């Protein structure tokens, strides 16, 4: 479970709001990571190459106990690799 703490202050009081991001958000992010990995495999990447990418971004290959920030960074990186690979398939490999 992921909680987001929002603290607001004015001259009279301080409020703390706890927003439960829940497992749905994490589940959605892990689902997106899985989709991107499958897309890259379909394009021609080898699973060991994907493990190298994951390790480079989050420091490990296991997605178990991945933080929300790590998953966002990984999604961003995998999307970049997908976009670049698709451009290369079309013959336009410029970054």
Protein backbone atom coordinates (compact mmCIF):
# COMPACT_ATOMS: atom_id res chain seq x y z
CA UNK A 1 0.00 0.00 0.00
CA UNK A 2 1.32 3.44 -0.91
CA UNK A 3 0.28 6.50 1.03
CA UNK A 4 0.83 10.10 0.04
CA UNK A 5 1.02 12.62 2.88
CA UNK A 6 -0.06 16.17 2.07
CA UNK A 7 0.62 18.78 4.72
CA UNK A 8 -1.08 22.16 4.51
CA UNK A 9 -0.55 25.01 6.91
CA UNK A 10 -2.14 28.35 7.50
CA UNK A 11 -1.80 30.79 10.38
CA UNK A 12 -4.45 29.00 12.48
CA UNK A 13 -3.74 25.32 12.01
CA UNK A 14 -1.86 22.55 10.31
CA UNK A 15 -3.64 19.79 8.41
CA UNK A 16 -2.26 16.47 7.33
CA UNK A 17 -4.12 14.62 4.64
CA UNK A 18 -3.26 11.01 3.91
CA UNK A 19 -4.12 9.86 0.41
CA UNK A 20 -4.03 6.12 -0.11
CA UNK A 21 -2.71 5.47 -3.59
CA UNK A 22 -3.47 1.83 -2.97
CA UNK A 23 -2.30 -1.19 -4.82
CA UNK A 24 -4.31 -0.28 -7.94
CA UNK A 25 -1.78 2.39 -8.89
CA UNK A 26 1.13 0.04 -8.28
CA UNK A 27 -0.71 -2.72 -10.13
CA UNK A 28 -1.29 -0.39 -13.09
CA UNK A 29 2.37 0.58 -13.17
CA UNK A 30 3.53 -3.06 -13.03
CA UNK A 31 1.04 -3.92 -15.76
CA UNK A 32 2.42 -1.10 -17.92
CA UNK A 33 6.00 -2.30 -17.31
CA UNK A 34 5.00 -5.81 -18.36
CA UNK A 35 3.30 -4.48 -21.51
CA UNK A 36 6.36 -2.46 -22.47
CA UNK A 37 8.68 -5.40 -21.89
CA UNK A 38 6.49 -7.61 -24.10
CA UNK A 39 6.43 -4.90 -26.77
CA UNK A 40 10.24 -4.73 -26.72
CA UNK A 41 10.51 -8.51 -26.99
CA UNK A 42 8.15 -8.35 -29.96
CA UNK A 43 10.38 -5.73 -31.57
CA UNK A 44 13.43 -7.94 -31.15
CA UNK A 45 14.97 -7.32 -27.74
CA UNK A 46 16.16 -10.38 -25.84
CA UNK A 47 14.87 -10.85 -22.25
CA UNK A 48 18.43 -10.58 -20.91
CA UNK A 49 18.71 -7.16 -22.57
CA UNK A 50 15.54 -6.11 -20.77
CA UNK A 51 16.98 -7.32 -17.47
CA UNK A 52 20.02 -5.15 -18.15
CA UNK A 53 17.79 -2.13 -18.80
CA UNK A 54 15.81 -2.76 -15.61
CA UNK A 55 19.02 -3.18 -13.58
CA UNK A 56 20.41 0.04 -15.05
CA UNK A 57 17.31 2.01 -14.09
CA UNK A 58 16.38 0.59 -10.67
CA UNK A 59 19.55 -1.18 -9.59
CA UNK A 60 18.10 -4.68 -9.60
CA UNK A 61 16.22 -7.00 -11.95
CA UNK A 62 13.41 -7.99 -9.59
CA UNK A 63 10.33 -5.80 -9.63
CA UNK A 64 9.35 -7.06 -6.21
CA UNK A 65 9.19 -4.18 -3.72
CA UNK A 66 9.77 -1.58 -6.45
CA UNK A 67 8.95 1.94 -5.33
CA UNK A 68 6.48 4.18 -7.15
CA UNK A 69 9.34 6.47 -8.20
CA UNK A 70 11.37 3.55 -9.54
CA UNK A 71 8.40 2.25 -11.50
CA UNK A 72 7.79 5.67 -13.04
CA UNK A 73 11.46 5.92 -14.02
CA UNK A 74 11.39 2.41 -15.46
CA UNK A 75 8.23 3.09 -17.45
CA UNK A 76 9.78 6.27 -18.84
CA UNK A 77 12.94 4.42 -19.83
CA UNK A 78 11.11 1.47 -21.40
CA UNK A 79 8.88 3.86 -23.36
CA UNK A 80 12.00 5.57 -24.68
CA UNK A 81 13.46 2.23 -25.79
CA UNK A 82 10.16 1.31 -27.47
CA UNK A 83 9.97 4.62 -29.32
CA UNK A 84 13.59 4.38 -30.42
CA UNK A 85 13.22 0.75 -31.56
CA UNK A 86 10.10 1.59 -33.57
CA UNK A 87 11.93 4.49 -35.25
CA UNK A 88 14.83 2.16 -36.10
CA UNK A 89 12.46 -0.41 -37.57
CA UNK A 90 11.18 2.35 -39.84
CA UNK A 91 14.75 3.27 -40.79
CA UNK A 92 14.90 6.50 -38.83
CA UNK A 93 17.22 5.80 -35.87
CA UNK A 94 17.96 9.39 -34.93
CA UNK A 95 17.39 10.15 -31.24
